[in-house]
Amino acid sequence: MTEDAWRGRGRRTYIHDDDATRSYFVGLTRRLRSAGWEVDRNNIRSLRHRITNEIIELEPGGAGTTGHFLHHMKSLNTGRVTKIRMKW
């Protein structure tokens, strides 16, 4: 874990050595589906929990690096539809 701001900002960040390729994301999605996570159709490389509305988003490490960040965030829904825009 590289950041634990769950209480203050509703976010935890983990770092992982594997590259965040499409096949990695598909495998992660397959493993988390049984726990209630679904692909977020509005945001790239993101999953949303169907009950808690929490978000998991994969952020590739960038050019010339290996690995990726995984951000786990509390729900951003405040009673209205909220859309997250990712900058890749």
Protein backbone atom coordinates (compact mmCIF):
# COMPACT_ATOMS: atom_id res chain seq x y z
CA MET A 1 0.00 0.00 0.00
CA THR A 2 1.41 3.38 -0.95
CA GLU A 3 -1.38 5.60 0.41
CA ASP A 4 -4.08 5.02 3.02
CA ALA A 5 -6.38 8.02 3.11
CA TRP A 6 -9.59 6.01 3.60
CA ARG A 7 -10.90 8.07 6.52
CA GLY A 8 -9.92 11.49 5.23
CA ARG A 9 -10.34 11.19 1.47
CA GLY A 10 -12.00 7.80 0.97
CA ARG A 11 -9.10 6.38 -1.02
CA ARG A 12 -6.44 3.69 -0.76
CA THR A 13 -3.67 3.24 -3.31
CA TYR A 14 -1.67 0.09 -3.92
CA ILE A 15 1.26 -0.48 -6.25
CA HIS A 16 1.78 -3.72 -8.17
CA ASP A 17 4.70 -4.96 -10.26
CA ASP A 18 2.62 -6.44 -13.10
CA ASP A 19 1.83 -4.29 -16.13
CA ALA A 20 -1.82 -3.20 -16.33
CA THR A 21 -2.42 -4.79 -19.71
CA ARG A 22 -5.84 -5.57 -21.12
CA SER A 23 -5.43 -9.25 -20.23
CA TYR A 24 -4.44 -8.32 -16.66
CA PHE A 25 -7.60 -6.18 -16.31
CA VAL A 26 -9.80 -8.96 -17.77
CA GLY A 27 -8.32 -11.47 -15.29
CA LEU A 28 -8.79 -9.08 -12.36
CA THR A 29 -12.39 -8.45 -13.41
CA ARG A 30 -13.06 -12.18 -13.64
CA ARG A 31 -11.69 -12.77 -10.13
CA LEU A 32 -13.60 -9.87 -8.54
CA ARG A 33 -16.94 -10.51 -10.25
CA SER A 34 -17.98 -13.11 -7.66
CA ALA A 35 -17.44 -10.49 -4.93
CA GLY A 36 -19.89 -8.05 -6.55
CA TRP A 37 -17.56 -5.98 -8.75
CA GLU A 38 -18.58 -5.07 -12.32
CA VAL A 39 -16.85 -3.22 -15.15
CA ASP A 40 -17.75 0.48 -15.02
CA ARG A 41 -18.99 1.16 -18.55
CA ASN A 42 -18.46 4.93 -18.18
CA ASN A 43 -14.82 4.91 -17.07
CA ILE A 44 -11.81 3.22 -18.60
CA ARG A 45 -9.98 0.58 -16.51
CA SER A 46 -12.50 0.90 -13.67
CA LEU A 47 -14.71 -1.44 -11.68
CA ARG A 48 -17.70 -0.49 -9.54
CA HIS A 49 -19.21 -2.55 -6.72
CA ARG A 50 -22.88 -3.15 -7.43
CA ILE A 51 -23.97 -2.77 -3.78
CA THR A 52 -21.54 -0.34 -2.12
CA ASN A 53 -20.86 1.65 -5.30
CA GLU A 54 -17.15 1.74 -4.38
CA ILE A 55 -14.68 2.12 -7.24
CA ILE A 56 -11.49 0.31 -8.21
CA GLU A 57 -9.43 1.92 -10.92
CA LEU A 58 -6.19 0.73 -12.52
CA GLU A 59 -3.61 3.34 -13.44
CA PRO A 60 -0.75 2.13 -15.67
CA GLY A 61 2.73 3.12 -14.52
CA GLY A 62 3.54 5.08 -17.68
CA ALA A 63 6.06 4.98 -20.48
CA GLY A 64 9.35 3.33 -19.67
CA THR A 65 8.11 1.84 -16.38
CA THR A 66 6.63 -1.43 -15.26
CA GLY A 67 3.82 -1.92 -12.82
CA HIS A 68 0.65 -0.04 -12.08
CA PHE A 69 -1.33 1.62 -9.30
CA LEU A 70 -4.65 0.30 -8.08
CA HIS A 71 -6.90 2.92 -6.48
CA HIS A 72 -9.78 1.77 -4.25
CA MET A 73 -12.23 4.58 -3.52
CA LYS A 74 -15.43 5.03 -1.60
CA SER A 75 -18.57 5.86 -3.51
CA LEU A 76 -18.64 9.32 -5.03
CA ASN A 77 -22.41 9.23 -5.44
CA THR A 78 -23.98 11.99 -3.39
CA GLY A 79 -27.56 11.49 -4.49
CA ARG A 80 -26.96 12.58 -8.06
CA VAL A 81 -25.19 10.93 -10.95
CA THR A 82 -21.45 11.56 -10.69
CA LYS A 83 -19.09 10.77 -13.54
CA ILE A 84 -15.34 10.40 -13.10
CA ARG A 85 -13.05 11.55 -15.86
CA MET A 86 -9.74 9.74 -15.95
CA LYS A 87 -6.62 11.36 -17.35
CA TRP A 88 -4.34 8.73 -18.87
